[in-house]
Amino acid sequence: MPSVQEIPELITESLDLSKQYLKQETVEPAKRLGKAAGLGVAAAMLFGMATFLGGVAVNRWIIRLLPDGRAWSGLAYVLSAVLLVAIAGIVIYLGKRGYENPGSIKDVIPSRAAADEE
């Protein structure tokens, strides 16, 4: 049992340990998570910009393939839009393939039945 003189020192030490633990277990992981989220946002912006520029390039390429004229230019815009929507549909289909219920925790954590079968 600590003496009366040691109690303030023990309280101070306990508070310091609590602050260190809180910083170690919550603040530092939150900072790392923030960095990862920032990189994810930056990657999403770069992919969006690449998609936009790729779409413009495809559009210009289709315009160059078709004969000159306003109607052909309009057709090139329609064809490039259809092509980009088709590509987006393929990417979405391939992204969702293999998931029973997208966003479900079942996709992340295997069920006990599956673990028992192994």
PDB file of N, CA and C in Angstrom:
ATOM      1  N   MET A   1       0.850  -1.172   0.000  1.00  0.00           N
ATOM      2  CA  MET A   1       0.000   0.000   0.000  1.00  0.00           C
ATOM      3  C   MET A   1       0.894   1.234   0.000  1.00  0.00           C
ATOM      4  N   PRO A   2       0.651   2.166  -0.922  1.00  0.00           N
ATOM      5  CA  PRO A   2       1.499   3.356  -0.983  1.00  0.00           C
ATOM      6  C   PRO A   2       1.225   4.303   0.174  1.00  0.00           C
ATOM      7  N   SER A   3       2.255   5.022   0.498  1.00  0.00           N
ATOM      8  CA  SER A   3       2.078   6.012   1.564  1.00  0.00           C
ATOM      9  C   SER A   3       1.375   7.242   1.004  1.00  0.00           C
ATOM     10  N   VAL A   4       0.973   8.136   1.886  1.00  0.00           N
ATOM     11  CA  VAL A   4       0.229   9.324   1.490  1.00  0.00           C
ATOM     12  C   VAL A   4       1.088  10.228   0.603  1.00  0.00           C
ATOM     13  N   GLN A   5       2.386  10.273   0.838  1.00  0.00           N
ATOM     14  CA  GLN A   5       3.269  11.118   0.041  1.00  0.00           C
ATOM     15  C   GLN A   5       3.436  10.589  -1.390  1.00  0.00           C
ATOM     16  N   GLU A   6       3.258   9.298  -1.610  1.00  0.00           N
ATOM     17  CA  GLU A   6       3.453   8.699  -2.925  1.00  0.00           C
ATOM     18  C   GLU A   6       2.213   8.800  -3.815  1.00  0.00           C
ATOM     19  N   ILE A   7       1.053   9.083  -3.239  1.00  0.00           N
ATOM     20  CA  ILE A   7      -0.199   9.088  -4.012  1.00  0.00           C
ATOM     21  C   ILE A   7      -0.175  10.130  -5.136  1.00  0.00           C
ATOM     22  N   PRO A   8       0.210  11.398  -4.904  1.00  0.00           N
ATOM     23  CA  PRO A   8       0.238  12.350  -6.025  1.00  0.00           C
ATOM     24  C   PRO A   8       1.195  11.911  -7.142  1.00  0.00           C
ATOM     25  N   GLU A   9       2.316  11.336  -6.757  1.00  0.00           N
ATOM     26  CA  GLU A   9       3.267  10.852  -7.764  1.00  0.00           C
ATOM     27  C   GLU A   9       2.681   9.693  -8.563  1.00  0.00           C
ATOM     28  N   LEU A  10       1.981   8.787  -7.892  1.00  0.00           N
ATOM     29  CA  LEU A  10       1.344   7.666  -8.582  1.00  0.00           C
ATOM     30  C   LEU A  10       0.218   8.143  -9.507  1.00  0.00           C
ATOM     31  N   ILE A  11      -0.540   9.153  -9.072  1.00  0.00           N
ATOM     32  CA  ILE A  11      -1.606   9.699  -9.912  1.00  0.00           C
ATOM     33  C   ILE A  11      -1.007  10.354 -11.152  1.00  0.00           C
ATOM     34  N   THR A  12       0.056  11.115 -10.978  1.00  0.00           N
ATOM     35  CA  THR A  12       0.724  11.760 -12.108  1.00  0.00           C
ATOM     36  C   THR A  12       1.269  10.713 -13.073  1.00  0.00           C
ATOM     37  N   GLU A  13       1.883   9.686 -12.530  1.00  0.00           N
ATOM     38  CA  GLU A  13       2.422   8.615 -13.374  1.00  0.00           C
ATOM     39  C   GLU A  13       1.310   7.885 -14.113  1.00  0.00           C
ATOM     40  N   SER A  14       0.199   7.645 -13.442  1.00  0.00           N
ATOM     41  CA  SER A  14      -0.941   6.982 -14.069  1.00  0.00           C
ATOM     42  C   SER A  14      -1.511   7.839 -15.198  1.00  0.00           C
ATOM     43  N   LEU A  15      -1.635   9.142 -14.972  1.00  0.00           N
ATOM     44  CA  LEU A  15      -2.129  10.040 -16.019  1.00  0.00           C
ATOM     45  C   LEU A  15      -1.177  10.080 -17.205  1.00  0.00           C
ATOM     46  N   ASP A  16       0.124  10.111 -16.949  1.00  0.00           N
ATOM     47  CA  ASP A  16       1.110  10.109 -18.036  1.00  0.00           C
ATOM     48  C   ASP A  16       1.029   8.825 -18.853  1.00  0.00           C
ATOM     49  N   LEU A  17       0.908   7.698 -18.147  1.00  0.00           N
ATOM     50  CA  LEU A  17       0.788   6.422 -18.848  1.00  0.00           C
ATOM     51  C   LEU A  17      -0.496   6.376 -19.679  1.00  0.00           C
ATOM     52  N   SER A  18      -1.585   6.913 -19.135  1.00  0.00           N
ATOM     53  CA  SER A  18      -2.854   6.940 -19.864  1.00  0.00           C
ATOM     54  C   SER A  18      -2.741   7.803 -21.112  1.00  0.00           C
ATOM     55  N   LYS A  19      -2.075   8.957 -21.001  1.00  0.00           N
ATOM     56  CA  LYS A  19      -1.894   9.831 -22.160  1.00  0.00           C
ATOM     57  C   LYS A  19      -1.048   9.147 -23.229  1.00  0.00           C
ATOM     58  N   GLN A  20       0.025   8.489 -22.808  1.00  0.00           N
ATOM     59  CA  GLN A  20       0.879   7.796 -23.763  1.00  0.00           C
ATOM     60  C   GLN A  20       0.127   6.662 -24.466  1.00  0.00           C
ATOM     61  N   TYR A  21      -0.653   5.923 -23.679  1.00  0.00           N
ATOM     62  CA  TYR A  21      -1.419   4.814 -24.259  1.00  0.00           C
ATOM     63  C   TYR A  21      -2.456   5.340 -25.239  1.00  0.00           C
ATOM     64  N   LEU A  22      -3.157   6.396 -24.851  1.00  0.00           N
ATOM     65  CA  LEU A  22      -4.171   6.975 -25.725  1.00  0.00           C
ATOM     66  C   LEU A  22      -3.548   7.460 -27.032  1.00  0.00           C
ATOM     67  N   LYS A  23      -2.397   8.112 -26.912  1.00  0.00           N
ATOM     68  CA  LYS A  23      -1.717   8.592 -28.114  1.00  0.00           C
ATOM     69  C   LYS A  23      -1.262   7.423 -28.978  1.00  0.00           C
ATOM     70  N   GLN A  24      -0.710   6.394 -28.354  1.00  0.00           N
ATOM     71  CA  GLN A  24      -0.190   5.244 -29.090  1.00  0.00           C
ATOM     72  C   GLN A  24      -1.306   4.456 -29.770  1.00  0.00           C
ATOM     73  N   GLU A  25      -2.430   4.286 -29.117  1.00  0.00           N
ATOM     74  CA  GLU A  25      -3.473   3.405 -29.634  1.00  0.00           C
ATOM     75  C   GLU A  25      -4.563   4.107 -30.432  1.00  0.00           C
ATOM     76  N   THR A  26      -4.672   5.428 -30.352  1.00  0.00           N
ATOM     77  CA  THR A  26      -5.735   6.103 -31.090  1.00  0.00           C
ATOM     78  C   THR A  26      -5.207   7.183 -32.022  1.00  0.00           C
ATOM     79  N   VAL A  27      -4.381   8.059 -31.533  1.00  0.00           N
ATOM     80  CA  VAL A  27      -3.949   9.202 -32.330  1.00  0.00           C
ATOM     81  C   VAL A  27      -3.022   8.760 -33.463  1.00  0.00           C
ATOM     82  N   GLU A  28      -2.029   7.961 -33.156  1.00  0.00           N
ATOM     83  CA  GLU A  28      -1.084   7.519 -34.194  1.00  0.00           C
ATOM     84  C   GLU A  28      -1.764   6.685 -35.284  1.00  0.00           C
ATOM     85  N   PRO A  29      -2.614   5.685 -34.927  1.00  0.00           N
ATOM     86  CA  PRO A  29      -3.315   4.967 -36.001  1.00  0.00           C
ATOM     87  C   PRO A  29      -4.235   5.877 -36.815  1.00  0.00           C
ATOM     88  N   ALA A  30      -4.847   6.871 -36.175  1.00  0.00           N
ATOM     89  CA  ALA A  30      -5.709   7.800 -36.908  1.00  0.00           C
ATOM     90  C   ALA A  30      -4.889   8.628 -37.893  1.00  0.00           C
ATOM     91  N   LYS A  31      -3.682   9.003 -37.519  1.00  0.00           N
ATOM     92  CA  LYS A  31      -2.820   9.742 -38.443  1.00  0.00           C
ATOM     93  C   LYS A  31      -2.451   8.873 -39.642  1.00  0.00           C
ATOM     94  N   ARG A  32      -2.124   7.601 -39.382  1.00  0.00           N
ATOM     95  CA  ARG A  32      -1.793   6.698 -40.490  1.00  0.00           C
ATOM     96  C   ARG A  32      -2.994   6.480 -41.390  1.00  0.00           C
ATOM     97  N   LEU A  33      -4.177   6.364 -40.779  1.00  0.00           N
ATOM     98  CA  LEU A  33      -5.393   6.196 -41.562  1.00  0.00           C
ATOM     99  C   LEU A  33      -5.663   7.433 -42.405  1.00  0.00           C
ATOM    100  N   GLY A  34      -5.410   8.605 -41.847  1.00  0.00           N
ATOM    101  CA  GLY A  34      -5.583   9.847 -42.605  1.00  0.00           C
ATOM    102  C   GLY A  34      -4.648   9.916 -43.795  1.00  0.00           C
ATOM    103  N   LYS A  35      -3.408   9.464 -43.609  1.00  0.00           N
ATOM    104  CA  LYS A  35      -2.458   9.451 -44.725  1.00  0.00           C
ATOM    105  C   LYS A  35      -2.929   8.489 -45.813  1.00  0.00           C
ATOM    106  N   ALA A  36      -3.413   7.315 -45.410  1.00  0.00           N
ATOM    107  CA  ALA A  36      -3.899   6.347 -46.388  1.00  0.00           C
ATOM    108  C   ALA A  36      -5.127   6.884 -47.116  1.00  0.00           C
ATOM    109  N   ALA A  37      -6.020   7.547 -46.395  1.00  0.00           N
ATOM    110  CA  ALA A  37      -7.202   8.122 -47.033  1.00  0.00           C
ATOM    111  C   ALA A  37      -6.799   9.225 -48.005  1.00  0.00           C
ATOM    112  N   GLY A  38      -5.825  10.023 -47.627  1.00  0.00           N
ATOM    113  CA  GLY A  38      -5.341  11.074 -48.529  1.00  0.00           C
ATOM    114  C   GLY A  38      -4.748  10.498 -49.799  1.00  0.00           C
ATOM    115  N   LEU A  39      -3.990   9.416 -49.663  1.00  0.00           N
ATOM    116  CA  LEU A  39      -3.438   8.765 -50.854  1.00  0.00           C
ATOM    117  C   LEU A  39      -4.548   8.173 -51.713  1.00  0.00           C
ATOM    118  N   GLY A  40      -5.582   7.642 -51.077  1.00  0.00           N
ATOM    119  CA  GLY A  40      -6.710   7.099 -51.828  1.00  0.00           C
ATOM    120  C   GLY A  40      -7.444   8.174 -52.606  1.00  0.00           C
ATOM    121  N   VAL A  41      -7.645   9.337 -51.979  1.00  0.00           N
ATOM    122  CA  VAL A  41      -8.308  10.446 -52.665  1.00  0.00           C
ATOM    123  C   VAL A  41      -7.443  10.934 -53.829  1.00  0.00           C
ATOM    124  N   ALA A  42      -6.142  11.039 -53.600  1.00  0.00           N
ATOM    125  CA  ALA A  42      -5.243  11.471 -54.673  1.00  0.00           C
ATOM    126  C   ALA A  42      -5.265  10.473 -55.831  1.00  0.00           C
ATOM    127  N   ALA A  43      -5.256   9.183 -55.518  1.00  0.00           N
ATOM    128  CA  ALA A  43      -5.307   8.165 -56.571  1.00  0.00           C
ATOM    129  C   ALA A  43      -6.625   8.241 -57.336  1.00  0.00           C
ATOM    130  N   ALA A  44      -7.725   8.459 -56.618  1.00  0.00           N
ATOM    131  CA  ALA A  44      -9.023   8.565 -57.287  1.00  0.00           C
ATOM    132  C   ALA A  44      -9.053   9.770 -58.222  1.00  0.00           C
ATOM    133  N   MET A  45      -8.464  10.875 -57.779  1.00  0.00           N
ATOM    134  CA  MET A  45      -8.428  12.065 -58.638  1.00  0.00           C
ATOM    135  C   MET A  45      -7.573  11.818 -59.881  1.00  0.00           C
ATOM    136  N   LEU A  46      -6.439  11.140 -59.702  1.00  0.00           N
ATOM    137  CA  LEU A  46      -5.587  10.836 -60.858  1.00  0.00           C
ATOM    138  C   LEU A  46      -6.280   9.882 -61.826  1.00  0.00           C
ATOM    139  N   PHE A  47      -6.976   8.866 -61.291  1.00  0.00           N
ATOM    140  CA  PHE A  47      -7.716   7.960 -62.170  1.00  0.00           C
ATOM    141  C   PHE A  47      -8.832   8.698 -62.890  1.00  0.00           C
ATOM    142  N   GLY A  48      -9.507   9.608 -62.217  1.00  0.00           N
ATOM    143  CA  GLY A  48     -10.554  10.392 -62.859  1.00  0.00           C
ATOM    144  C   GLY A  48     -10.005  11.264 -63.974  1.00  0.00           C
ATOM    145  N   MET A  49      -8.878  11.913 -63.709  1.00  0.00           N
ATOM    146  CA  MET A  49      -8.259  12.752 -64.732  1.00  0.00           C
ATOM    147  C   MET A  49      -7.782  11.900 -65.916  1.00  0.00           C
ATOM    148  N   ALA A  50      -7.218  10.731 -65.616  1.00  0.00           N
ATOM    149  CA  ALA A  50      -6.762   9.841 -66.688  1.00  0.00           C
ATOM    150  C   ALA A  50      -7.940   9.355 -67.528  1.00  0.00           C
ATOM    151  N   THR A  51      -9.043   9.060 -66.871  1.00  0.00           N
ATOM    152  CA  THR A  51     -10.232   8.625 -67.603  1.00  0.00           C
ATOM    153  C   THR A  51     -10.749   9.741 -68.506  1.00  0.00           C
ATOM    154  N   PHE A  52     -10.791  10.960 -67.970  1.00  0.00           N
ATOM    155  CA  PHE A  52     -11.247  12.095 -68.766  1.00  0.00           C
ATOM    156  C   PHE A  52     -10.348  12.313 -69.986  1.00  0.00           C
ATOM    157  N   LEU A  53      -9.044  12.339 -69.755  1.00  0.00           N
ATOM    158  CA  LEU A  53      -8.116  12.562 -70.865  1.00  0.00           C
ATOM    159  C   LEU A  53      -8.140  11.399 -71.856  1.00  0.00           C
ATOM    160  N   GLY A  54      -8.292  10.180 -71.350  1.00  0.00           N
ATOM    161  CA  GLY A  54      -8.423   9.026 -72.243  1.00  0.00           C
ATOM    162  C   GLY A  54      -9.687   9.106 -73.080  1.00  0.00           C
ATOM    163  N   GLY A  55     -10.770   9.570 -72.457  1.00  0.00           N
ATOM    164  CA  GLY A  55     -12.014   9.742 -73.215  1.00  0.00           C
ATOM    165  C   GLY A  55     -11.888  10.786 -74.308  1.00  0.00           C
ATOM    166  N   VAL A  56     -11.206  11.884 -73.995  1.00  0.00           N
ATOM    167  CA  VAL A  56     -10.979  12.915 -75.015  1.00  0.00           C
ATOM    168  C   VAL A  56     -10.113  12.351 -76.140  1.00  0.00           C
ATOM    169  N   ALA A  57      -9.096  11.586 -75.791  1.00  0.00           N
ATOM    170  CA  ALA A  57      -8.216  11.001 -76.805  1.00  0.00           C
ATOM    171  C   ALA A  57      -8.975  10.026 -77.697  1.00  0.00           C
ATOM    172  N   VAL A  58      -9.830   9.203 -77.091  1.00  0.00           N
ATOM    173  CA  VAL A  58     -10.626   8.260 -77.882  1.00  0.00           C
ATOM    174  C   VAL A  58     -11.568   9.028 -78.806  1.00  0.00           C
ATOM    175  N   ASN A  59     -12.167  10.077 -78.290  1.00  0.00           N
ATOM    176  CA  ASN A  59     -13.073  10.885 -79.096  1.00  0.00           C
ATOM    177  C   ASN A  59     -12.338  11.491 -80.293  1.00  0.00           C
ATOM    178  N   ARG A  60     -11.184  12.077 -80.057  1.00  0.00           N
ATOM    179  CA  ARG A  60     -10.418  12.681 -81.150  1.00  0.00           C
ATOM    180  C   ARG A  60      -9.972  11.621 -82.163  1.00  0.00           C
ATOM    181  N   TRP A  61      -9.629  10.429 -81.668  1.00  0.00           N
ATOM    182  CA  TRP A  61      -9.206   9.350 -82.551  1.00  0.00           C
ATOM    183  C   TRP A  61     -10.357   8.906 -83.452  1.00  0.00           C
ATOM    184  N   ILE A  62     -11.557   8.772 -82.872  1.00  0.00           N
ATOM    185  CA  ILE A  62     -12.720   8.369 -83.668  1.00  0.00           C
ATOM    186  C   ILE A  62     -13.065   9.458 -84.682  1.00  0.00           C
ATOM    187  N   ILE A  63     -12.947  10.720 -84.282  1.00  0.00           N
ATOM    188  CA  ILE A  63     -13.209  11.825 -85.222  1.00  0.00           C
ATOM    189  C   ILE A  63     -12.239  11.762 -86.405  1.00  0.00           C
ATOM    190  N   ARG A  64     -10.983  11.444 -86.136  1.00  0.00           N
ATOM    191  CA  ARG A  64      -9.993  11.360 -87.223  1.00  0.00           C
ATOM    192  C   ARG A  64     -10.251  10.172 -88.142  1.00  0.00           C
ATOM    193  N   LEU A  65     -10.848   9.075 -87.594  1.00  0.00           N
ATOM    194  CA  LEU A  65     -11.122   7.895 -88.418  1.00  0.00           C
ATOM    195  C   LEU A  65     -12.273   8.136 -89.391  1.00  0.00           C
ATOM    196  N   LEU A  66     -13.255   8.923 -88.960  1.00  0.00           N
ATOM    197  CA  LEU A  66     -14.441   9.134 -89.789  1.00  0.00           C
ATOM    198  C   LEU A  66     -14.204  10.273 -90.785  1.00  0.00           C
ATOM    199  N   PRO A  67     -14.990  10.299 -91.856  1.00  0.00           N
ATOM    200  CA  PRO A  67     -14.856  11.388 -92.831  1.00  0.00           C
ATOM    201  C   PRO A  67     -15.202  12.748 -92.198  1.00  0.00           C
ATOM    202  N   ASP A  68     -14.792  13.815 -92.887  1.00  0.00           N
ATOM    203  CA  ASP A  68     -15.086  15.162 -92.393  1.00  0.00           C
ATOM    204  C   ASP A  68     -16.573  15.474 -92.565  1.00  0.00           C
ATOM    205  N   GLY A  69     -17.083  16.310 -91.661  1.00  0.00           N
ATOM    206  CA  GLY A  69     -18.481  16.735 -91.742  1.00  0.00           C
ATOM    207  C   GLY A  69     -19.082  16.821 -90.359  1.00  0.00           C
ATOM    208  N   ARG A  70     -20.116  17.644 -90.256  1.00  0.00           N
ATOM    209  CA  ARG A  70     -20.759  17.834 -88.949  1.00  0.00           C
ATOM    210  C   ARG A  70     -21.461  16.569 -88.487  1.00  0.00           C
ATOM    211  N   ALA A  71     -22.129  15.883 -89.397  1.00  0.00           N
ATOM    212  CA  ALA A  71     -22.852  14.667 -89.018  1.00  0.00           C
ATOM    213  C   ALA A  71     -21.876  13.583 -88.561  1.00  0.00           C
ATOM    214  N   TRP A  72     -20.760  13.451 -89.273  1.00  0.00           N
ATOM    215  CA  TRP A  72     -19.764  12.447 -88.883  1.00  0.00           C
ATOM    216  C   TRP A  72     -19.124  12.804 -87.547  1.00  0.00           C
ATOM    217  N   SER A  73     -18.908  14.080 -87.300  1.00  0.00           N
ATOM    218  CA  SER A  73     -18.347  14.512 -86.029  1.00  0.00           C
ATOM    219  C   SER A  73     -19.316  14.190 -84.887  1.00  0.00           C
ATOM    220  N   GLY A  74     -20.606  14.433 -85.136  1.00  0.00           N
ATOM    221  CA  GLY A  74     -21.614  14.088 -84.130  1.00  0.00           C
ATOM    222  C   GLY A  74     -21.657  12.597 -83.867  1.00  0.00           C
ATOM    223  N   LEU A  75     -21.552  11.826 -84.943  1.00  0.00           N
ATOM    224  CA  LEU A  75     -21.527  10.368 -84.789  1.00  0.00           C
ATOM    225  C   LEU A  75     -20.312   9.934 -83.973  1.00  0.00           C
ATOM    226  N   ALA A  76     -19.186  10.612 -84.186  1.00  0.00           N
ATOM    227  CA  ALA A  76     -17.978  10.272 -83.417  1.00  0.00           C
ATOM    228  C   ALA A  76     -18.201  10.516 -81.929  1.00  0.00           C
ATOM    229  N   TYR A  77     -18.886  11.610 -81.582  1.00  0.00           N
ATOM    230  CA  TYR A  77     -19.187  11.875 -80.177  1.00  0.00           C
ATOM    231  C   TYR A  77     -20.098  10.792 -79.595  1.00  0.00           C
ATOM    232  N   VAL A  78     -21.088  10.386 -80.356  1.00  0.00           N
ATOM    233  CA  VAL A  78     -21.998   9.334 -79.887  1.00  0.00           C
ATOM    234  C   VAL A  78     -21.246   8.017 -79.729  1.00  0.00           C
ATOM    235  N   LEU A  79     -20.427   7.672 -80.709  1.00  0.00           N
ATOM    236  CA  LEU A  79     -19.673   6.413 -80.628  1.00  0.00           C
ATOM    237  C   LEU A  79     -18.695   6.409 -79.449  1.00  0.00           C
ATOM    238  N   SER A  80     -18.017   7.521 -79.232  1.00  0.00           N
ATOM    239  CA  SER A  80     -17.075   7.560 -78.113  1.00  0.00           C
ATOM    240  C   SER A  80     -17.816   7.497 -76.782  1.00  0.00           C
ATOM    241  N   ALA A  81     -18.992   8.121 -76.681  1.00  0.00           N
ATOM    242  CA  ALA A  81     -19.776   8.037 -75.438  1.00  0.00           C
ATOM    243  C   ALA A  81     -20.229   6.602 -75.194  1.00  0.00           C
ATOM    244  N   VAL A  82     -20.705   5.929 -76.246  1.00  0.00           N
ATOM    245  CA  VAL A  82     -21.137   4.533 -76.106  1.00  0.00           C
ATOM    246  C   VAL A  82     -19.958   3.653 -75.707  1.00  0.00           C
ATOM    247  N   LEU A  83     -18.815   3.886 -76.315  1.00  0.00           N
ATOM    248  CA  LEU A  83     -17.628   3.103 -75.987  1.00  0.00           C
ATOM    249  C   LEU A  83     -17.203   3.305 -74.529  1.00  0.00           C
ATOM    250  N   LEU A  84     -17.215   4.550 -74.073  1.00  0.00           N
ATOM    251  CA  LEU A  84     -16.817   4.814 -72.686  1.00  0.00           C
ATOM    252  C   LEU A  84     -17.818   4.237 -71.688  1.00  0.00           C
ATOM    253  N   VAL A  85     -19.109   4.281 -72.008  1.00  0.00           N
ATOM    254  CA  VAL A  85     -20.115   3.669 -71.125  1.00  0.00           C
ATOM    255  C   VAL A  85     -19.929   2.154 -71.096  1.00  0.00           C
ATOM    256  N   ALA A  86     -19.622   1.563 -72.240  1.00  0.00           N
ATOM    257  CA  ALA A  86     -19.380   0.115 -72.286  1.00  0.00           C
ATOM    258  C   ALA A  86     -18.159  -0.259 -71.453  1.00  0.00           C
ATOM    259  N   ILE A  87     -17.109   0.524 -71.563  1.00  0.00           N
ATOM    260  CA  ILE A  87     -15.906   0.251 -70.760  1.00  0.00           C
ATOM    261  C   ILE A  87     -16.212   0.402 -69.277  1.00  0.00           C
ATOM    262  N   ALA A  88     -16.970   1.435 -68.914  1.00  0.00           N
ATOM    263  CA  ALA A  88     -17.345   1.621 -67.505  1.00  0.00           C
ATOM    264  C   ALA A  88     -18.184   0.446 -67.011  1.00  0.00           C
ATOM    265  N   GLY A  89     -19.099  -0.043 -67.850  1.00  0.00           N
ATOM    266  CA  GLY A  89     -19.909  -1.198 -67.465  1.00  0.00           C
ATOM    267  C   GLY A  89     -19.069  -2.445 -67.259  1.00  0.00           C
ATOM    268  N   ILE A  90     -18.093  -2.647 -68.109  1.00  0.00           N
ATOM    269  CA  ILE A  90     -17.204  -3.811 -67.957  1.00  0.00           C
ATOM    270  C   ILE A  90     -16.400  -3.697 -66.670  1.00  0.00           C
ATOM    271  N   VAL A  91     -15.888  -2.503 -66.382  1.00  0.00           N
ATOM    272  CA  VAL A  91     -15.110  -2.311 -65.153  1.00  0.00           C
ATOM    273  C   VAL A  91     -15.980  -2.544 -63.926  1.00  0.00           C
ATOM    274  N   ILE A  92     -17.204  -2.045 -63.936  1.00  0.00           N
ATOM    275  CA  ILE A  92     -18.113  -2.254 -62.795  1.00  0.00           C
ATOM    276  C   ILE A  92     -18.459  -3.729 -62.662  1.00  0.00           C
ATOM    277  N   TYR A  93     -18.726  -4.389 -63.782  1.00  0.00           N
ATOM    278  CA  TYR A  93     -19.043  -5.819 -63.730  1.00  0.00           C
ATOM    279  C   TYR A  93     -17.876  -6.616 -63.150  1.00  0.00           C
ATOM    280  N   LEU A  94     -16.676  -6.340 -63.617  1.00  0.00           N
ATOM    281  CA  LEU A  94     -15.506  -7.071 -63.122  1.00  0.00           C
ATOM    282  C   LEU A  94     -15.220  -6.727 -61.669  1.00  0.00           C
ATOM    283  N   GLY A  95     -15.529  -5.519 -61.264  1.00  0.00           N
ATOM    284  CA  GLY A  95     -15.312  -5.137 -59.869  1.00  0.00           C
ATOM    285  C   GLY A  95     -16.269  -5.818 -58.920  1.00  0.00           C
ATOM    286  N   LYS A  96     -17.512  -6.045 -59.350  1.00  0.00           N
ATOM    287  CA  LYS A  96     -18.513  -6.679 -58.490  1.00  0.00           C
ATOM    288  C   LYS A  96     -18.484  -8.196 -58.566  1.00  0.00           C
ATOM    289  N   ARG A  97     -17.820  -8.734 -59.565  1.00  0.00           N
ATOM    290  CA  ARG A  97     -17.803 -10.178 -59.738  1.00  0.00           C
ATOM    291  C   ARG A  97     -17.151 -10.852 -58.537  1.00  0.00           C
ATOM    292  N   GLY A  98     -17.766 -11.893 -58.049  1.00  0.00           N
ATOM    293  CA  GLY A  98     -17.203 -12.651 -56.947  1.00  0.00           C
ATOM    294  C   GLY A  98     -17.738 -12.243 -55.587  1.00  0.00           C
ATOM    295  N   TYR A  99     -18.540 -11.205 -55.514  1.00  0.00           N
ATOM    296  CA  TYR A  99     -19.117 -10.783 -54.245  1.00  0.00           C
ATOM    297  C   TYR A  99     -20.587 -11.168 -54.201  1.00  0.00           C
ATOM    298  N   GLU A 100     -20.987 -11.852 -53.101  1.00  0.00           N
ATOM    299  CA  GLU A 100     -22.402 -12.177 -52.931  1.00  0.00           C
ATOM    300  C   GLU A 100     -23.202 -10.905 -52.709  1.00  0.00           C
ATOM    301  N   ASN A 101     -22.739 -10.157 -51.720  1.00  0.00           N
ATOM    302  CA  ASN A 101     -23.435  -8.946 -51.307  1.00  0.00           C
ATOM    303  C   ASN A 101     -22.376  -7.858 -51.158  1.00  0.00           C
ATOM    304  N   PRO A 102     -22.188  -6.997 -52.160  1.00  0.00           N
ATOM    305  CA  PRO A 102     -21.119  -5.997 -52.066  1.00  0.00           C
ATOM    306  C   PRO A 102     -21.260  -5.143 -50.820  1.00  0.00           C
ATOM    307  N   GLY A 103     -20.161  -4.972 -50.130  1.00  0.00           N
ATOM    308  CA  GLY A 103     -20.171  -4.173 -48.914  1.00  0.00           C
ATOM    309  C   GLY A 103     -20.506  -4.979 -47.681  1.00  0.00           C
ATOM    310  N   SER A 104     -20.719  -6.266 -47.831  1.00  0.00           N
ATOM    311  CA  SER A 104     -21.078  -7.098 -46.698  1.00  0.00           C
ATOM    312  C   SER A 104     -19.831  -7.511 -45.928  1.00  0.00           C
ATOM    313  N   ILE A 105     -19.979  -7.631 -44.624  1.00  0.00           N
ATOM    314  CA  ILE A 105     -18.854  -8.061 -43.782  1.00  0.00           C
ATOM    315  C   ILE A 105     -18.515  -9.520 -44.071  1.00  0.00           C
ATOM    316  N   LYS A 106     -19.452 -10.259 -44.666  1.00  0.00           N
ATOM    317  CA  LYS A 106     -19.212 -11.665 -44.983  1.00  0.00           C
ATOM    318  C   LYS A 106     -18.080 -11.816 -45.994  1.00  0.00           C
ATOM    319  N   ASP A 107     -17.875 -10.792 -46.824  1.00  0.00           N
ATOM    320  CA  ASP A 107     -16.804 -10.847 -47.810  1.00  0.00           C
ATOM    321  C   ASP A 107     -15.435 -10.681 -47.162  1.00  0.00           C
ATOM    322  N   VAL A 108     -15.408 -10.045 -45.997  1.00  0.00           N
ATOM    323  CA  VAL A 108     -14.144  -9.755 -45.337  1.00  0.00           C
ATOM    324  C   VAL A 108     -13.790 -10.831 -44.317  1.00  0.00           C
ATOM    325  N   ILE A 109     -14.786 -11.238 -43.528  1.00  0.00           N
ATOM    326  CA  ILE A 109     -14.559 -12.212 -42.465  1.00  0.00           C
ATOM    327  C   ILE A 109     -15.162 -13.544 -42.896  1.00  0.00           C
ATOM    328  N   PRO A 110     -14.352 -14.578 -43.005  1.00  0.00           N
ATOM    329  CA  PRO A 110     -14.900 -15.871 -43.417  1.00  0.00           C
ATOM    330  C   PRO A 110     -15.826 -16.438 -42.347  1.00  0.00           C
ATOM    331  N   SER A 111     -16.817 -17.195 -42.781  1.00  0.00           N
ATOM    332  CA  SER A 111     -17.760 -17.779 -41.827  1.00  0.00           C
ATOM    333  C   SER A 111     -17.091 -18.931 -41.086  1.00  0.00           C
ATOM    334  N   ARG A 112     -17.673 -19.289 -39.952  1.00  0.00           N
ATOM    335  CA  ARG A 112     -17.120 -20.402 -39.168  1.00  0.00           C
ATOM    336  C   ARG A 112     -17.301 -21.719 -39.900  1.00  0.00           C
ATOM    337  N   ALA A 113     -18.376 -21.838 -40.648  1.00  0.00           N
ATOM    338  CA  ALA A 113     -18.615 -23.090 -41.402  1.00  0.00           C
ATOM    339  C   ALA A 113     -17.510 -23.329 -42.413  1.00  0.00           C
ATOM    340  N   ALA A 114     -17.078 -22.270 -43.090  1.00  0.00           N
ATOM    341  CA  ALA A 114     -16.004 -22.405 -44.067  1.00  0.00           C
ATOM    342  C   ALA A 114     -14.679 -22.740 -43.380  1.00  0.00           C
ATOM    343  N   ALA A 115     -14.485 -22.187 -42.179  1.00  0.00           N
ATOM    344  CA  ALA A 115     -13.248 -22.470 -41.438  1.00  0.00           C
ATOM    345  C   ALA A 115     -13.254 -23.904 -40.911  1.00  0.00           C
ATOM    346  N   ASP A 116     -14.432 -24.409 -40.535  1.00  0.00           N
ATOM    347  CA  ASP A 116     -14.535 -25.786 -40.026  1.00  0.00           C
ATOM    348  C   ASP A 116     -14.305 -26.809 -41.120  1.00  0.00           C
ATOM    349  N   GLU A 117     -14.693 -26.468 -42.351  1.00  0.00           N
ATOM    350  CA  GLU A 117     -14.527 -27.410 -43.455  1.00  0.00           C
ATOM    351  C   GLU A 117     -13.062 -27.612 -43.816  1.00  0.00           C
ATOM    352  N   GLU A 118     -12.241 -26.610 -43.572  1.00  0.00           N
ATOM    353  CA  GLU A 118     -10.806 -26.724 -43.899  1.00  0.00           C
ATOM    354  C   GLU A 118     -10.169 -27.596 -42.889  1.00  0.00           C
TER     355      GLU A 118
END
